[in-house]
């Protein structure tokens, strides 16, 4: 098995990586041969790096799945950069069914 490393391009002097190690997703940064662990995540966990690249926005890493029983083993990781949209509350139930598009479901229209 060959591990997969995702390099996050930063504007600082560190090299940032996201990678699967054992049954955890690791977030680390490297500089001058030194490695610093910034997070070790299990399925369902997330880590947020504040103000990524001095952009004013956060970089969020979410572990959706880790499957060590598959061949080859795999993980599903979501990396989100930019403003995080908070979904609006679910509308109150109606007396009769209403039809909503995916756009309405995601952004609260109806």
PDB file of N, CA and C in Angstrom:
ATOM      1  N   UNK A   1       0.838  -1.185   0.000  1.00  0.00           N
ATOM      2  CA  UNK A   1       0.000   0.000   0.000  1.00  0.00           C
ATOM      3  C   UNK A   1       0.880   1.245   0.000  1.00  0.00           C
ATOM      4  N   UNK A   2       0.569   2.151  -0.897  1.00  0.00           N
ATOM      5  CA  UNK A   2       1.283   3.415  -0.954  1.00  0.00           C
ATOM      6  C   UNK A   2       0.425   4.497  -0.321  1.00  0.00           C
ATOM      7  N   UNK A   3       0.936   5.157   0.711  1.00  0.00           N
ATOM      8  CA  UNK A   3       0.132   6.218   1.335  1.00  0.00           C
ATOM      9  C   UNK A   3      -0.049   7.392   0.379  1.00  0.00           C
ATOM     10  N   UNK A   4      -1.157   8.093   0.550  1.00  0.00           N
ATOM     11  CA  UNK A   4      -1.442   9.284  -0.238  1.00  0.00           C
ATOM     12  C   UNK A   4      -1.299  10.492   0.679  1.00  0.00           C
ATOM     13  N   UNK A   5      -0.508  11.443   0.244  1.00  0.00           N
ATOM     14  CA  UNK A   5      -0.334  12.691   0.974  1.00  0.00           C
ATOM     15  C   UNK A   5      -0.970  13.801   0.160  1.00  0.00           C
ATOM     16  N   UNK A   6      -1.772  14.626   0.807  1.00  0.00           N
ATOM     17  CA  UNK A   6      -2.328  15.817   0.168  1.00  0.00           C
ATOM     18  C   UNK A   6      -1.532  16.995   0.707  1.00  0.00           C
ATOM     19  N   UNK A   7      -0.907  17.738  -0.190  1.00  0.00           N
ATOM     20  CA  UNK A   7      -0.154  18.913   0.251  1.00  0.00           C
ATOM     21  C   UNK A   7      -1.049  20.131   0.145  1.00  0.00           C
ATOM     22  N   UNK A   8      -1.155  20.859   1.238  1.00  0.00           N
ATOM     23  CA  UNK A   8      -1.918  22.096   1.274  1.00  0.00           C
ATOM     24  C   UNK A   8      -0.937  23.232   1.014  1.00  0.00           C
ATOM     25  N   UNK A   9      -1.181  23.982  -0.029  1.00  0.00           N
ATOM     26  CA  UNK A   9      -0.262  25.050  -0.399  1.00  0.00           C
ATOM     27  C   UNK A   9      -0.531  26.266   0.486  1.00  0.00           C
ATOM     28  N   UNK A  10       0.468  26.631   1.259  1.00  0.00           N
ATOM     29  CA  UNK A  10       0.333  27.765   2.167  1.00  0.00           C
ATOM     30  C   UNK A  10       1.263  28.884   1.718  1.00  0.00           C
ATOM     31  N   UNK A  11       1.124  30.032   2.344  1.00  0.00           N
ATOM     32  CA  UNK A  11       2.021  31.132   2.024  1.00  0.00           C
ATOM     33  C   UNK A  11       3.036  31.362   3.139  1.00  0.00           C
ATOM     34  N   UNK A  12       3.137  30.388   4.049  1.00  0.00           N
ATOM     35  CA  UNK A  12       4.151  30.511   5.097  1.00  0.00           C
ATOM     36  C   UNK A  12       5.334  29.599   4.762  1.00  0.00           C
ATOM     37  N   UNK A  13       6.259  29.480   5.649  1.00  0.00           N
ATOM     38  CA  UNK A  13       7.463  28.695   5.369  1.00  0.00           C
ATOM     39  C   UNK A  13       7.293  27.206   5.672  1.00  0.00           C
ATOM     40  N   UNK A  14       6.089  26.785   6.041  1.00  0.00           N
ATOM     41  CA  UNK A  14       5.818  25.379   6.334  1.00  0.00           C
ATOM     42  C   UNK A  14       5.231  24.674   5.120  1.00  0.00           C
ATOM     43  N   UNK A  15       5.436  23.372   5.063  1.00  0.00           N
ATOM     44  CA  UNK A  15       4.761  22.511   4.096  1.00  0.00           C
ATOM     45  C   UNK A  15       3.698  21.748   4.892  1.00  0.00           C
ATOM     46  N   UNK A  16       2.437  21.949   4.533  1.00  0.00           N
ATOM     47  CA  UNK A  16       1.320  21.327   5.234  1.00  0.00           C
ATOM     48  C   UNK A  16       0.874  20.077   4.487  1.00  0.00           C
ATOM     49  N   UNK A  17       0.527  19.008   5.248  1.00  0.00           N
ATOM     50  CA  UNK A  17       0.087  17.749   4.651  1.00  0.00           C
ATOM     51  C   UNK A  17      -1.118  17.193   5.390  1.00  0.00           C
ATOM     52  N   UNK A  18      -1.983  16.515   4.631  1.00  0.00           N
ATOM     53  CA  UNK A  18      -3.090  15.719   5.175  1.00  0.00           C
ATOM     54  C   UNK A  18      -2.857  14.307   4.657  1.00  0.00           C
ATOM     55  N   UNK A  19      -2.861  13.298   5.554  1.00  0.00           N
ATOM     56  CA  UNK A  19      -2.555  11.933   5.127  1.00  0.00           C
ATOM     57  C   UNK A  19      -3.175  10.907   6.071  1.00  0.00           C
ATOM     58  N   UNK A  20      -3.408   9.710   5.528  1.00  0.00           N
ATOM     59  CA  UNK A  20      -3.971   8.602   6.296  1.00  0.00           C
ATOM     60  C   UNK A  20      -2.835   7.812   6.928  1.00  0.00           C
ATOM     61  N   UNK A  21      -2.886   7.672   8.239  1.00  0.00           N
ATOM     62  CA  UNK A  21      -1.887   6.890   8.971  1.00  0.00           C
ATOM     63  C   UNK A  21      -2.603   5.969   9.932  1.00  0.00           C
ATOM     64  N   UNK A  22      -2.544   4.668   9.677  1.00  0.00           N
ATOM     65  CA  UNK A  22      -3.321   3.741  10.496  1.00  0.00           C
ATOM     66  C   UNK A  22      -4.792   3.994  10.247  1.00  0.00           C
ATOM     67  N   UNK A  23      -5.561   4.116  11.309  1.00  0.00           N
ATOM     68  CA  UNK A  23      -6.995   4.367  11.141  1.00  0.00           C
ATOM     69  C   UNK A  23      -7.356   5.806  11.500  1.00  0.00           C
ATOM     70  N   UNK A  24      -6.415   6.717  11.266  1.00  0.00           N
ATOM     71  CA  UNK A  24      -6.629   8.135  11.547  1.00  0.00           C
ATOM     72  C   UNK A  24      -6.124   8.988  10.384  1.00  0.00           C
ATOM     73  N   UNK A  25      -6.714  10.168  10.238  1.00  0.00           N
ATOM     74  CA  UNK A  25      -6.221  11.148   9.272  1.00  0.00           C
ATOM     75  C   UNK A  25      -5.355  12.127  10.040  1.00  0.00           C
ATOM     76  N   UNK A  26      -4.156  12.322   9.545  1.00  0.00           N
ATOM     77  CA  UNK A  26      -3.187  13.194  10.205  1.00  0.00           C
ATOM     78  C   UNK A  26      -3.051  14.510   9.452  1.00  0.00           C
ATOM     79  N   UNK A  27      -2.902  15.585  10.207  1.00  0.00           N
ATOM     80  CA  UNK A  27      -2.606  16.895   9.643  1.00  0.00           C
ATOM     81  C   UNK A  27      -1.270  17.304  10.247  1.00  0.00           C
ATOM     82  N   UNK A  28      -0.300  17.583   9.404  1.00  0.00           N
ATOM     83  CA  UNK A  28       1.002  17.966   9.926  1.00  0.00           C
ATOM     84  C   UNK A  28       1.623  19.047   9.069  1.00  0.00           C
ATOM     85  N   UNK A  29       2.579  19.737   9.654  1.00  0.00           N
ATOM     86  CA  UNK A  29       3.332  20.726   8.899  1.00  0.00           C
ATOM     87  C   UNK A  29       4.816  20.451   9.123  1.00  0.00           C
ATOM     88  N   UNK A  30       5.615  20.770   8.094  1.00  0.00           N
ATOM     89  CA  UNK A  30       7.047  20.477   8.137  1.00  0.00           C
ATOM     90  C   UNK A  30       7.836  21.736   7.795  1.00  0.00           C
ATOM     91  N   UNK A  31       8.990  21.845   8.457  1.00  0.00           N
ATOM     92  CA  UNK A  31       9.897  22.954   8.182  1.00  0.00           C
ATOM     93  C   UNK A  31      11.295  22.539   8.632  1.00  0.00           C
ATOM     94  N   UNK A  32      12.261  22.696   7.751  1.00  0.00           N
ATOM     95  CA  UNK A  32      13.664  22.392   8.067  1.00  0.00           C
ATOM     96  C   UNK A  32      13.845  20.990   8.656  1.00  0.00           C
ATOM     97  N   UNK A  33      13.132  20.014   8.106  1.00  0.00           N
ATOM     98  CA  UNK A  33      13.273  18.634   8.561  1.00  0.00           C
ATOM     99  C   UNK A  33      12.502  18.295   9.816  1.00  0.00           C
ATOM    100  N   UNK A  34      11.848  19.254  10.427  1.00  0.00           N
ATOM    101  CA  UNK A  34      11.045  19.024  11.629  1.00  0.00           C
ATOM    102  C   UNK A  34       9.585  18.868  11.236  1.00  0.00           C
ATOM    103  N   UNK A  35       8.911  17.880  11.821  1.00  0.00           N
ATOM    104  CA  UNK A  35       7.496  17.649  11.566  1.00  0.00           C
ATOM    105  C   UNK A  35       6.708  17.975  12.827  1.00  0.00           C
ATOM    106  N   UNK A  36       5.613  18.705  12.655  1.00  0.00           N
ATOM    107  CA  UNK A  36       4.754  19.095  13.763  1.00  0.00           C
ATOM    108  C   UNK A  36       3.356  18.564  13.496  1.00  0.00           C
ATOM    109  N   UNK A  37       2.820  17.776  14.431  1.00  0.00           N
ATOM    110  CA  UNK A  37       1.459  17.256  14.292  1.00  0.00           C
ATOM    111  C   UNK A  37       0.480  18.362  14.668  1.00  0.00           C
ATOM    112  N   UNK A  38      -0.442  18.650  13.760  1.00  0.00           N
ATOM    113  CA  UNK A  38      -1.431  19.698  13.994  1.00  0.00           C
ATOM    114  C   UNK A  38      -2.813  19.123  14.277  1.00  0.00           C
ATOM    115  N   UNK A  39      -2.960  17.811  14.100  1.00  0.00           N
ATOM    116  CA  UNK A  39      -4.240  17.178  14.376  1.00  0.00           C
ATOM    117  C   UNK A  39      -4.239  15.723  13.943  1.00  0.00           C
ATOM    118  N   UNK A  40      -4.942  14.898  14.687  1.00  0.00           N
ATOM    119  CA  UNK A  40      -5.146  13.486  14.360  1.00  0.00           C
ATOM    120  C   UNK A  40      -6.644  13.254  14.493  1.00  0.00           C
ATOM    121  N   UNK A  41      -7.272  12.904  13.364  1.00  0.00           N
ATOM    122  CA  UNK A  41      -8.727  12.856  13.311  1.00  0.00           C
ATOM    123  C   UNK A  41      -9.262  11.461  13.011  1.00  0.00           C
ATOM    124  N   UNK A  42     -10.339  11.104  13.677  1.00  0.00           N
ATOM    125  CA  UNK A  42     -11.073   9.868  13.398  1.00  0.00           C
ATOM    126  C   UNK A  42     -12.288  10.219  12.536  1.00  0.00           C
ATOM    127  N   UNK A  43     -12.967   9.202  12.061  1.00  0.00           N
ATOM    128  CA  UNK A  43     -14.184   9.396  11.270  1.00  0.00           C
ATOM    129  C   UNK A  43     -15.158  10.297  12.030  1.00  0.00           C
ATOM    130  N   UNK A  44     -15.698  11.295  11.317  1.00  0.00           N
ATOM    131  CA  UNK A  44     -16.658  12.201  11.921  1.00  0.00           C
ATOM    132  C   UNK A  44     -16.046  13.413  12.595  1.00  0.00           C
ATOM    133  N   UNK A  45     -14.736  13.448  12.724  1.00  0.00           N
ATOM    134  CA  UNK A  45     -14.087  14.583  13.370  1.00  0.00           C
ATOM    135  C   UNK A  45     -13.605  15.591  12.334  1.00  0.00           C
ATOM    136  N   UNK A  46     -13.345  16.805  12.792  1.00  0.00           N
ATOM    137  CA  UNK A  46     -12.856  17.849  11.900  1.00  0.00           C
ATOM    138  C   UNK A  46     -11.844  18.731  12.626  1.00  0.00           C
ATOM    139  N   UNK A  47     -11.089  19.449  11.839  1.00  0.00           N
ATOM    140  CA  UNK A  47     -10.102  20.394  12.357  1.00  0.00           C
ATOM    141  C   UNK A  47     -10.224  21.664  11.519  1.00  0.00           C
ATOM    142  N   UNK A  48     -10.138  22.800  12.158  1.00  0.00           N
ATOM    143  CA  UNK A  48     -10.216  24.078  11.456  1.00  0.00           C
ATOM    144  C   UNK A  48      -8.912  24.827  11.652  1.00  0.00           C
ATOM    145  N   UNK A  49      -8.336  25.254  10.535  1.00  0.00           N
ATOM    146  CA  UNK A  49      -7.135  26.096  10.579  1.00  0.00           C
ATOM    147  C   UNK A  49      -7.621  27.511  10.319  1.00  0.00           C
ATOM    148  N   UNK A  50      -7.514  28.349  11.320  1.00  0.00           N
ATOM    149  CA  UNK A  50      -8.049  29.709  11.260  1.00  0.00           C
ATOM    150  C   UNK A  50      -7.233  30.594  10.323  1.00  0.00           C
ATOM    151  N   UNK A  51      -7.915  31.466   9.623  1.00  0.00           N
ATOM    152  CA  UNK A  51      -7.300  32.503   8.787  1.00  0.00           C
ATOM    153  C   UNK A  51      -6.233  31.925   7.850  1.00  0.00           C
ATOM    154  N   UNK A  52      -6.607  30.895   7.090  1.00  0.00           N
ATOM    155  CA  UNK A  52      -5.664  30.211   6.187  1.00  0.00           C
ATOM    156  C   UNK A  52      -5.064  31.202   5.195  1.00  0.00           C
ATOM    157  N   UNK A  53      -3.776  31.215   5.123  1.00  0.00           N
ATOM    158  CA  UNK A  53      -3.004  32.075   4.213  1.00  0.00           C
ATOM    159  C   UNK A  53      -3.311  33.555   4.404  1.00  0.00           C
ATOM    160  N   UNK A  54      -3.636  33.930   5.650  1.00  0.00           N
ATOM    161  CA  UNK A  54      -3.975  35.321   5.984  1.00  0.00           C
ATOM    162  C   UNK A  54      -5.104  35.863   5.102  1.00  0.00           C
ATOM    163  N   UNK A  55      -6.027  34.974   4.747  1.00  0.00           N
ATOM    164  CA  UNK A  55      -7.119  35.332   3.840  1.00  0.00           C
ATOM    165  C   UNK A  55      -8.340  35.878   4.575  1.00  0.00           C
ATOM    166  N   UNK A  56      -8.384  35.662   5.878  1.00  0.00           N
ATOM    167  CA  UNK A  56      -9.587  35.999   6.629  1.00  0.00           C
ATOM    168  C   UNK A  56     -10.585  34.857   6.653  1.00  0.00           C
ATOM    169  N   UNK A  57     -10.300  33.783   5.893  1.00  0.00           N
ATOM    170  CA  UNK A  57     -11.181  32.618   5.842  1.00  0.00           C
ATOM    171  C   UNK A  57     -10.499  31.413   6.473  1.00  0.00           C
ATOM    172  N   UNK A  58     -11.318  30.513   6.986  1.00  0.00           N
ATOM    173  CA  UNK A  58     -10.807  29.295   7.608  1.00  0.00           C
ATOM    174  C   UNK A  58     -10.690  28.171   6.587  1.00  0.00           C
ATOM    175  N   UNK A  59      -9.802  27.230   6.866  1.00  0.00           N
ATOM    176  CA  UNK A  59      -9.684  25.997   6.094  1.00  0.00           C
ATOM    177  C   UNK A  59     -10.150  24.888   7.031  1.00  0.00           C
ATOM    178  N   UNK A  60     -11.166  24.150   6.615  1.00  0.00           N
ATOM    179  CA  UNK A  60     -11.737  23.103   7.469  1.00  0.00           C
ATOM    180  C   UNK A  60     -11.513  21.749   6.823  1.00  0.00           C
ATOM    181  N   UNK A  61     -11.033  20.804   7.605  1.00  0.00           N
ATOM    182  CA  UNK A  61     -10.769  19.443   7.143  1.00  0.00           C
ATOM    183  C   UNK A  61     -11.710  18.522   7.916  1.00  0.00           C
ATOM    184  N   UNK A  62     -12.556  17.782   7.176  1.00  0.00           N
ATOM    185  CA  UNK A  62     -13.562  16.915   7.782  1.00  0.00           C
ATOM    186  C   UNK A  62     -13.314  15.485   7.316  1.00  0.00           C
ATOM    187  N   UNK A  63     -13.247  14.552   8.249  1.00  0.00           N
ATOM    188  CA  UNK A  63     -13.087  13.137   7.903  1.00  0.00           C
ATOM    189  C   UNK A  63     -14.475  12.520   7.815  1.00  0.00           C
ATOM    190  N   UNK A  64     -14.879  12.176   6.597  1.00  0.00           N
ATOM    191  CA  UNK A  64     -16.201  11.608   6.361  1.00  0.00           C
ATOM    192  C   UNK A  64     -16.209  10.088   6.515  1.00  0.00           C
ATOM    193  N   UNK A  65     -15.121   9.436   6.108  1.00  0.00           N
ATOM    194  CA  UNK A  65     -15.079   7.964   6.129  1.00  0.00           C
ATOM    195  C   UNK A  65     -13.639   7.500   6.238  1.00  0.00           C
ATOM    196  N   UNK A  66     -13.428   6.436   6.976  1.00  0.00           N
ATOM    197  CA  UNK A  66     -12.161   5.708   7.001  1.00  0.00           C
ATOM    198  C   UNK A  66     -12.528   4.235   6.924  1.00  0.00           C
ATOM    199  N   UNK A  67     -12.022   3.534   5.911  1.00  0.00           N
ATOM    200  CA  UNK A  67     -12.336   2.115   5.761  1.00  0.00           C
ATOM    201  C   UNK A  67     -11.033   1.327   5.692  1.00  0.00           C
ATOM    202  N   UNK A  68     -10.684   0.720   6.801  1.00  0.00           N
ATOM    203  CA  UNK A  68      -9.455  -0.070   6.887  1.00  0.00           C
ATOM    204  C   UNK A  68      -9.696  -1.517   6.485  1.00  0.00           C
ATOM    205  N   UNK A  69     -10.973  -1.903   6.259  1.00  0.00           N
ATOM    206  CA  UNK A  69     -11.298  -3.276   5.871  1.00  0.00           C
ATOM    207  C   UNK A  69     -11.320  -3.463   4.362  1.00  0.00           C
ATOM    208  N   UNK A  70     -11.330  -2.365   3.613  1.00  0.00           N
ATOM    209  CA  UNK A  70     -11.352  -2.448   2.150  1.00  0.00           C
ATOM    210  C   UNK A  70      -9.940  -2.747   1.642  1.00  0.00           C
ATOM    211  N   UNK A  71      -9.866  -3.196   0.419  1.00  0.00           N
ATOM    212  CA  UNK A  71      -8.567  -3.417  -0.204  1.00  0.00           C
ATOM    213  C   UNK A  71      -8.562  -2.718  -1.562  1.00  0.00           C
ATOM    214  N   UNK A  72      -7.870  -1.616  -1.698  1.00  0.00           N
ATOM    215  CA  UNK A  72      -7.006  -0.985  -0.686  1.00  0.00           C
ATOM    216  C   UNK A  72      -7.817  -0.175   0.327  1.00  0.00           C
ATOM    217  N   UNK A  73      -7.192   0.086   1.474  1.00  0.00           N
ATOM    218  CA  UNK A  73      -7.811   0.911   2.491  1.00  0.00           C
ATOM    219  C   UNK A  73      -8.019   2.314   1.929  1.00  0.00           C
ATOM    220  N   UNK A  74      -9.030   3.008   2.420  1.00  0.00           N
ATOM    221  CA  UNK A  74      -9.258   4.359   1.910  1.00  0.00           C
ATOM    222  C   UNK A  74      -9.876   5.248   2.977  1.00  0.00           C
ATOM    223  N   UNK A  75      -9.826   6.531   2.699  1.00  0.00           N
ATOM    224  CA  UNK A  75     -10.496   7.518   3.533  1.00  0.00           C
ATOM    225  C   UNK A  75     -11.157   8.547   2.628  1.00  0.00           C
ATOM    226  N   UNK A  76     -12.239   9.120   3.105  1.00  0.00           N
ATOM    227  CA  UNK A  76     -12.908  10.210   2.406  1.00  0.00           C
ATOM    228  C   UNK A  76     -12.769  11.448   3.279  1.00  0.00           C
ATOM    229  N   UNK A  77     -12.061  12.446   2.751  1.00  0.00           N
ATOM    230  CA  UNK A  77     -11.788  13.674   3.483  1.00  0.00           C
ATOM    231  C   UNK A  77     -12.347  14.840   2.683  1.00  0.00           C
ATOM    232  N   UNK A  78     -13.042  15.731   3.350  1.00  0.00           N
ATOM    233  CA  UNK A  78     -13.556  16.945   2.709  1.00  0.00           C
ATOM    234  C   UNK A  78     -12.736  18.123   3.218  1.00  0.00           C
ATOM    235  N   UNK A  79     -12.233  18.926   2.296  1.00  0.00           N
ATOM    236  CA  UNK A  79     -11.464  20.114   2.644  1.00  0.00           C
ATOM    237  C   UNK A  79     -12.237  21.320   2.121  1.00  0.00           C
ATOM    238  N   UNK A  80     -12.606  22.217   3.026  1.00  0.00           N
ATOM    239  CA  UNK A  80     -13.432  23.367   2.686  1.00  0.00           C
ATOM    240  C   UNK A  80     -12.647  24.638   2.995  1.00  0.00           C
ATOM    241  N   UNK A  81     -12.596  25.532   2.016  1.00  0.00           N
ATOM    242  CA  UNK A  81     -11.940  26.810   2.219  1.00  0.00           C
ATOM    243  C   UNK A  81     -12.911  27.922   1.843  1.00  0.00           C
ATOM    244  N   UNK A  82     -12.979  28.917   2.667  1.00  0.00           N
ATOM    245  CA  UNK A  82     -13.821  30.063   2.357  1.00  0.00           C
ATOM    246  C   UNK A  82     -14.880  30.258   3.417  1.00  0.00           C
ATOM    247  N   UNK A  83     -15.782  31.179   3.147  1.00  0.00           N
ATOM    248  CA  UNK A  83     -16.819  31.449   4.149  1.00  0.00           C
ATOM    249  C   UNK A  83     -17.693  30.221   4.354  1.00  0.00           C
ATOM    250  N   UNK A  84     -17.980  29.925   5.595  1.00  0.00           N
ATOM    251  CA  UNK A  84     -18.823  28.779   5.926  1.00  0.00           C
ATOM    252  C   UNK A  84     -20.260  29.261   6.036  1.00  0.00           C
ATOM    253  N   UNK A  85     -21.117  28.700   5.216  1.00  0.00           N
ATOM    254  CA  UNK A  85     -22.522  29.081   5.194  1.00  0.00           C
ATOM    255  C   UNK A  85     -23.266  28.285   6.257  1.00  0.00           C
ATOM    256  N   UNK A  86     -23.940  28.986   7.124  1.00  0.00           N
ATOM    257  CA  UNK A  86     -24.765  28.333   8.131  1.00  0.00           C
ATOM    258  C   UNK A  86     -26.159  28.161   7.541  1.00  0.00           C
ATOM    259  N   UNK A  87     -26.642  26.909   7.447  1.00  0.00           N
ATOM    260  CA  UNK A  87     -27.970  26.712   6.862  1.00  0.00           C
ATOM    261  C   UNK A  87     -29.054  27.353   7.717  1.00  0.00           C
ATOM    262  N   UNK A  88     -30.102  27.856   7.040  1.00  0.00           N
ATOM    263  CA  UNK A  88     -31.209  28.440   7.784  1.00  0.00           C
ATOM    264  C   UNK A  88     -32.016  27.334   8.446  1.00  0.00           C
ATOM    265  N   UNK A  89     -32.764  27.698   9.473  1.00  0.00           N
ATOM    266  CA  UNK A  89     -33.576  26.685  10.155  1.00  0.00           C
ATOM    267  C   UNK A  89     -34.583  26.043   9.203  1.00  0.00           C
ATOM    268  N   UNK A  90     -34.937  24.822   9.513  1.00  0.00           N
ATOM    269  CA  UNK A  90     -35.939  24.105   8.716  1.00  0.00           C
ATOM    270  C   UNK A  90     -37.295  24.776   8.912  1.00  0.00           C
ATOM    271  N   UNK A  91     -38.043  24.994   7.796  1.00  0.00           N
ATOM    272  CA  UNK A  91     -39.372  25.614   7.950  1.00  0.00           C
ATOM    273  C   UNK A  91     -40.317  24.712   8.747  1.00  0.00           C
ATOM    274  N   UNK A  92     -41.312  25.333   9.368  1.00  0.00           N
ATOM    275  CA  UNK A  92     -42.322  24.579  10.113  1.00  0.00           C
ATOM    276  C   UNK A  92     -43.099  23.678   9.162  1.00  0.00           C
ATOM    277  N   UNK A  93     -43.594  22.538   9.653  1.00  0.00           N
ATOM    278  CA  UNK A  93     -44.381  21.639   8.797  1.00  0.00           C
ATOM    279  C   UNK A  93     -45.615  22.354   8.246  1.00  0.00           C
ATOM    280  N   UNK A  94     -46.021  21.949   7.052  1.00  0.00           N
ATOM    281  CA  UNK A  94     -47.231  22.509   6.428  1.00  0.00           C
ATOM    282  C   UNK A  94     -48.343  21.477   6.471  1.00  0.00           C
ATOM    283  N   UNK A  95     -49.568  21.926   6.190  1.00  0.00           N
ATOM    284  CA  UNK A  95     -50.709  21.014   6.162  1.00  0.00           C
ATOM    285  C   UNK A  95     -50.642  20.072   4.971  1.00  0.00           C
ATOM    286  N   UNK A  96     -50.043  20.516   3.875  1.00  0.00           N
ATOM    287  CA  UNK A  96     -49.920  19.666   2.702  1.00  0.00           C
ATOM    288  C   UNK A  96     -48.473  19.695   2.229  1.00  0.00           C
ATOM    289  N   UNK A  97     -48.044  18.649   1.549  1.00  0.00           N
ATOM    290  CA  UNK A  97     -46.654  18.605   1.087  1.00  0.00           C
ATOM    291  C   UNK A  97     -46.353  19.759   0.133  1.00  0.00           C
ATOM    292  N   UNK A  98     -45.109  20.239   0.203  1.00  0.00           N
ATOM    293  CA  UNK A  98     -44.647  21.265  -0.727  1.00  0.00           C
ATOM    294  C   UNK A  98     -43.442  20.723  -1.469  1.00  0.00           C
ATOM    295  N   UNK A  99     -43.216  21.235  -2.658  1.00  0.00           N
ATOM    296  CA  UNK A  99     -42.100  20.795  -3.476  1.00  0.00           C
ATOM    297  C   UNK A  99     -40.956  21.794  -3.326  1.00  0.00           C
ATOM    298  N   UNK A 100     -39.786  21.292  -2.971  1.00  0.00           N
ATOM    299  CA  UNK A 100     -38.598  22.131  -2.823  1.00  0.00           C
ATOM    300  C   UNK A 100     -37.490  21.608  -3.718  1.00  0.00           C
ATOM    301  N   UNK A 101     -36.759  22.519  -4.316  1.00  0.00           N
ATOM    302  CA  UNK A 101     -35.592  22.127  -5.113  1.00  0.00           C
ATOM    303  C   UNK A 101     -34.403  21.932  -4.179  1.00  0.00           C
ATOM    304  N   UNK A 102     -33.320  21.349  -4.684  1.00  0.00           N
ATOM    305  CA  UNK A 102     -32.092  21.219  -3.890  1.00  0.00           C
ATOM    306  C   UNK A 102     -31.594  22.585  -3.463  1.00  0.00           C
ATOM    307  N   UNK A 103     -31.722  23.569  -4.361  1.00  0.00           N
ATOM    308  CA  UNK A 103     -31.289  24.932  -4.041  1.00  0.00           C
ATOM    309  C   UNK A 103     -32.062  25.444  -2.823  1.00  0.00           C
ATOM    310  N   UNK A 104     -33.391  25.214  -2.833  1.00  0.00           N
ATOM    311  CA  UNK A 104     -34.211  25.650  -1.703  1.00  0.00           C
ATOM    312  C   UNK A 104     -33.800  24.951  -0.417  1.00  0.00           C
ATOM    313  N   UNK A 105     -33.517  23.660  -0.511  1.00  0.00           N
ATOM    314  CA  UNK A 105     -33.126  22.904   0.688  1.00  0.00           C
ATOM    315  C   UNK A 105     -31.806  23.398   1.250  1.00  0.00           C
ATOM    316  N   UNK A 106     -30.859  23.724   0.370  1.00  0.00           N
ATOM    317  CA  UNK A 106     -29.539  24.166   0.815  1.00  0.00           C
ATOM    318  C   UNK A 106     -29.532  25.603   1.302  1.00  0.00           C
ATOM    319  N   UNK A 107     -30.333  26.469   0.662  1.00  0.00           N
ATOM    320  CA  UNK A 107     -30.231  27.892   0.942  1.00  0.00           C
ATOM    321  C   UNK A 107     -31.491  28.486   1.555  1.00  0.00           C
ATOM    322  N   UNK A 108     -32.432  27.631   1.938  1.00  0.00           N
ATOM    323  CA  UNK A 108     -33.550  28.071   2.739  1.00  0.00           C
ATOM    324  C   UNK A 108     -34.707  28.727   2.008  1.00  0.00           C
ATOM    325  N   UNK A 109     -34.765  28.629   0.694  1.00  0.00           N
ATOM    326  CA  UNK A 109     -35.906  29.200  -0.031  1.00  0.00           C
ATOM    327  C   UNK A 109     -37.077  28.243  -0.061  1.00  0.00           C
ATOM    328  N   UNK A 110     -38.248  28.741  -0.426  1.00  0.00           N
ATOM    329  CA  UNK A 110     -39.402  27.876  -0.673  1.00  0.00           C
ATOM    330  C   UNK A 110     -40.462  28.560  -1.456  1.00  0.00           C
TER     331      UNK A 110
END
